[in-house]
Amino acid sequence: MIKKILLLIAISLITQHSWTQQNTAVEKSVYGFQAGVLGFWAHNESRLDRNISIRTELGFDAGIFSSNADFSGSKVGVIFIPSITLEPRLYYNLHKRMDKGKNISENSGNFVALKLNYRPDWFTLSNVKNTSVADNIAIIPKWGIRRTFWNHLTYELGAGVGYRKYFLKQYGYAENPGEVGIDLHIRLGYTF
């Protein structure tokens, strides 16, 4: 089932809507910073085709946890984990937004994407000593919106469900388990 969904999204990202007008396209290149509830990131989004961009992102994903398994005398921990993301995006409503006189600058529109995310075990930033996270990779198809206001300020909302794989054999475990990966994001940003 997941393979079929990923194939459909990949085909959608590769194809282009024939009705797109000549002057309706994603920006050639957009650089920016974003901050969300659980992290902060720097990104570049470059045009591949009229409605398709590729987003590269470096930043820190954040998490909140209890430092004691049984929660007795536990300390609430906050952790920041390095995050590297590659995300092809298909903006599917730019033409419609432009026809209605709405802003499409800085890639303001709705999109579907395939998020490829790698979180390495290089280092972590945490208020709890000796905290680490196992290397993991996620592939998550998602839907989102991006809007620009006051020329350079942006907000993004997005959601998706996919697959996450943890690389635990290097730590002595018998296998590298996988799980359902969820991506929910609310971000505010600034573009250059």
Protein backbone atom coordinates (compact mmCIF):
# COMPACT_ATOMS: atom_id res chain seq x y z
CA MET A 1 0.00 0.00 0.00
CA ILE A 2 2.75 2.45 0.96
CA LYS A 3 4.67 1.60 -2.22
CA LYS A 4 1.60 2.42 -4.33
CA ILE A 5 1.11 5.76 -2.55
CA LEU A 6 4.79 6.66 -2.96
CA LEU A 7 4.64 5.73 -6.66
CA LEU A 8 1.54 7.91 -7.19
CA ILE A 9 3.17 10.88 -5.48
CA ALA A 10 6.41 10.41 -7.43
CA ILE A 11 4.48 10.37 -10.72
CA SER A 12 2.58 13.50 -9.64
CA LEU A 13 5.82 15.28 -8.81
CA ILE A 14 7.35 14.41 -12.17
CA THR A 15 4.39 15.37 -14.36
CA GLN A 16 3.30 18.91 -15.08
CA HIS A 17 -0.22 20.28 -15.46
CA SER A 18 -0.73 21.26 -19.11
CA TRP A 19 -3.03 24.15 -18.24
CA THR A 20 -0.32 26.13 -16.46
CA GLN A 21 0.22 29.55 -17.99
CA GLN A 22 3.65 30.75 -19.04
CA ASN A 23 3.94 33.36 -16.28
CA THR A 24 2.78 31.10 -13.43
CA ALA A 25 5.73 29.24 -11.93
CA VAL A 26 7.53 28.61 -8.67
CA GLU A 27 10.39 30.96 -7.85
CA LYS A 28 13.78 30.18 -9.39
CA SER A 29 15.41 30.01 -5.93
CA VAL A 30 14.22 30.92 -2.43
CA TYR A 31 16.46 30.95 0.65
CA GLY A 32 15.13 31.31 4.15
CA PHE A 33 14.98 30.43 7.84
CA GLN A 34 12.04 28.87 9.65
CA ALA A 35 11.19 28.17 13.26
CA GLY A 36 8.45 25.92 14.55
CA VAL A 37 7.12 24.47 17.74
CA LEU A 38 9.74 21.71 17.59
CA GLY A 39 12.85 23.10 15.91
CA PHE A 40 14.49 25.59 13.56
CA TRP A 41 15.87 25.22 10.02
CA ALA A 42 17.62 26.96 7.12
CA HIS A 43 16.37 26.04 3.64
CA ASN A 44 16.70 26.56 -0.09
CA GLU A 45 13.94 25.83 -2.55
CA SER A 46 15.01 25.67 -6.22
CA ARG A 47 12.79 25.36 -9.29
CA LEU A 48 13.01 22.11 -11.26
CA ASP A 49 9.99 22.80 -13.48
CA ARG A 50 7.10 25.29 -13.63
CA ASN A 51 5.25 23.78 -10.63
CA ILE A 52 7.98 21.60 -9.13
CA SER A 53 10.73 22.61 -6.74
CA ILE A 54 13.32 20.75 -4.70
CA ARG A 55 13.72 21.87 -1.10
CA THR A 56 16.94 21.23 0.82
CA GLU A 57 16.95 21.89 4.53
CA LEU A 58 19.46 21.82 7.39
CA GLY A 59 18.40 22.39 10.96
CA PHE A 60 17.51 20.97 14.32
CA ASP A 61 14.41 18.93 15.11
CA ALA A 62 13.39 19.18 18.75
CA GLY A 63 11.80 16.74 21.15
CA ILE A 64 10.49 16.65 24.70
CA PHE A 65 10.93 13.56 26.90
CA SER A 66 11.04 12.27 30.46
CA SER A 67 14.53 11.46 31.71
CA ASN A 68 13.26 8.60 33.92
CA ALA A 69 11.39 5.58 32.54
CA ASP A 70 8.98 5.23 35.50
CA PHE A 71 8.39 9.02 35.80
CA SER A 72 9.20 9.01 39.54
CA GLY A 73 11.42 11.99 40.22
CA SER A 74 11.78 12.44 36.50
CA LYS A 75 13.10 15.52 34.81
CA VAL A 76 11.53 16.88 31.65
CA GLY A 77 14.16 16.83 28.94
CA VAL A 78 14.43 18.89 25.79
CA ILE A 79 16.61 17.70 22.93
CA PHE A 80 17.70 19.18 19.59
CA ILE A 81 18.81 16.73 16.90
CA PRO A 82 20.57 17.63 13.62
CA SER A 83 18.24 17.14 10.65
CA ILE A 84 18.97 16.98 6.90
CA THR A 85 16.00 17.01 4.51
CA LEU A 86 15.51 16.70 0.77
CA GLU A 87 11.94 17.32 -0.36
CA PRO A 88 10.59 17.51 -3.92
CA ARG A 89 7.40 19.62 -3.95
CA LEU A 90 4.60 19.93 -6.50
CA TYR A 91 2.72 23.24 -6.15
CA TYR A 92 -0.66 22.41 -7.64
CA ASN A 93 -2.72 25.60 -7.30
CA LEU A 94 -0.47 28.48 -8.42
CA HIS A 95 -2.49 29.12 -11.60
CA LYS A 96 -5.77 29.18 -9.67
CA ARG A 97 -4.32 31.54 -7.03
CA MET A 98 -2.98 33.88 -9.70
CA ASP A 99 -6.34 33.93 -11.55
CA LYS A 100 -8.00 35.00 -8.28
CA GLY A 101 -5.41 37.77 -7.77
CA LYS A 102 -3.81 36.05 -4.80
CA ASN A 103 -0.10 36.21 -3.97
CA ILE A 104 2.14 33.44 -5.37
CA SER A 105 5.49 35.08 -4.51
CA GLU A 106 8.03 33.08 -2.50
CA ASN A 107 6.10 29.94 -3.60
CA SER A 108 2.86 30.81 -1.85
CA GLY A 109 0.55 27.94 -2.64
CA ASN A 110 -0.59 24.44 -1.77
CA PHE A 111 1.76 21.53 -2.36
CA VAL A 112 2.23 17.79 -2.16
CA ALA A 113 5.71 16.56 -1.33
CA LEU A 114 7.85 13.54 -0.60
CA LYS A 115 9.97 14.30 2.47
CA LEU A 116 13.27 12.41 2.77
CA ASN A 117 14.71 13.14 6.22
CA TYR A 118 17.94 11.93 7.84
CA ARG A 119 18.73 12.50 11.52
CA PRO A 120 22.34 11.47 12.22
CA ASP A 121 23.78 10.55 15.61
CA TRP A 122 26.51 13.21 15.35
CA PHE A 123 25.61 15.17 18.47
CA THR A 124 22.60 16.43 20.39
CA LEU A 125 21.84 19.54 22.38
CA SER A 126 19.91 18.76 25.56
CA ASN A 127 19.34 19.86 29.14
CA VAL A 128 19.86 16.20 30.21
CA LYS A 129 23.44 14.86 30.16
CA ASN A 130 24.46 11.90 27.97
CA THR A 131 21.40 12.07 25.74
CA SER A 132 21.60 10.72 22.21
CA VAL A 133 19.36 9.59 19.38
CA ALA A 134 19.97 6.68 17.01
CA ASP A 135 20.57 7.41 13.32
CA ASN A 136 17.25 7.28 11.49
CA ILE A 137 15.79 8.02 8.09
CA ALA A 138 12.19 8.78 7.12
CA ILE A 139 10.25 8.82 3.85
CA ILE A 140 6.99 10.71 4.30
CA PRO A 141 4.50 11.77 1.60
CA LYS A 142 2.78 14.92 2.76
CA TRP A 143 0.45 17.79 1.91
CA GLY A 144 1.00 21.39 2.92
CA ILE A 145 0.39 25.08 2.36
CA ARG A 146 2.81 27.97 2.27
CA ARG A 147 1.83 31.64 2.42
CA THR A 148 3.85 34.86 2.28
CA PHE A 149 2.86 38.09 3.99
CA TRP A 150 4.67 41.44 4.32
CA ASN A 151 6.97 40.50 1.39
CA HIS A 152 9.40 38.15 3.19
CA LEU A 153 7.57 36.59 6.16
CA THR A 154 6.10 33.14 5.59
CA TYR A 155 4.11 30.51 7.36
CA GLU A 156 3.77 26.83 6.49
CA LEU A 157 1.41 24.13 7.64
CA GLY A 158 1.83 20.50 6.61
CA ALA A 159 0.95 16.93 7.46
CA GLY A 160 1.94 13.49 6.27
CA VAL A 161 2.33 9.84 7.22
CA GLY A 162 5.11 7.56 6.01
CA TYR A 163 7.87 5.25 7.23
CA ARG A 164 10.85 5.76 9.60
CA LYS A 165 13.77 3.31 9.95
CA TYR A 166 16.17 3.32 12.92
CA PHE A 167 19.74 2.04 12.52
CA LEU A 168 20.27 0.23 15.84
CA LYS A 169 22.56 -2.65 14.82
CA GLN A 170 25.56 -0.36 15.26
CA TYR A 171 24.59 -0.11 18.96
CA GLY A 172 24.43 -3.89 19.44
CA TYR A 173 20.74 -4.52 18.72
CA ALA A 174 19.72 -7.56 16.64
CA GLU A 175 17.82 -5.60 13.99
CA ASN A 176 17.06 -2.15 12.59
CA PRO A 177 13.38 -1.59 13.38
CA GLY A 178 10.97 0.58 11.44
CA GLU A 179 7.79 2.36 12.40
CA VAL A 180 5.11 4.67 11.07
CA GLY A 181 6.55 8.16 10.65
CA ILE A 182 4.33 11.20 11.15
CA ASP A 183 5.14 14.72 10.00
CA LEU A 184 3.03 17.57 11.37
CA HIS A 185 4.49 21.02 11.09
CA ILE A 186 3.59 24.63 11.79
CA ARG A 187 6.39 27.03 10.92
CA LEU A 188 7.02 30.76 10.71
CA GLY A 189 9.87 31.98 8.55
CA TYR A 190 11.76 34.69 6.73
CA THR A 191 12.88 34.46 3.08
CA PHE A 192 15.64 36.38 1.30
